[in-house]
């Protein structure tokens, strides 16, 4: 009994380490243009919102996945968010004002809502229905997301290429979600099994290309935004 619990706990920890990365990337990318004092607020409230969503979705995820095309629509929303984050409308200067903080928070919440559907199902599966393990898994998410987002932001400041990698990661996640949607899988993936590998890679490239082209075009249109 104890060994089974420990095995489940190890599985929960590993799943959280892997899956919390996506949430941390979103928080870091959405907050990177804010002033330092606003970044802390965005990280805190974004992390708090992500955990809150996981708690709620843990209890309704099974019902949500029965709704046709939920994952497919969610993947399209995530693609759009990833492209917007790559464009980085306010990269050229630090964002100021509470409206920008609320905008970053809204972006974080929407992306977390989309991604947390997969996350809570993976955690619940690893816990095999054990509510104690599920609660532990949710608790472990908090420091992983907060610490992870702060680390990624610092790395983005030193190595801007990580922003592109982060956008690509979100595109890849969207591709996996789309391929796993039951209706899309039945209509498309089952007939063309290569889509399992093709979609994540395709959406990764699509997000990076469109995001960077949009960023370049925006810079040309608004040269005053460029330093």
Foldseek 3Di string as FASTA:
>chain_A
DVVLQVQLLVQLLVLLLVLLLLLLLLLLLLLLQADPVLSVVSLVLLLVLLLVLLVVCLVCLVVQLVDACLLVVLLVVLLVLLLVSLLPPQNLHRDDDPVSSVVSSVSSNSNSNSSSSVSSVSSCVSNVNDVVSSVVSSVSNRVSSSVSNVVLSVVCVVPVVVSLVSSLVSQLSSQQSNCPRPVSVVVPCVVPVCSNVVRSNVSSVVSSVSSVVSNVVSCVVPVVSHD
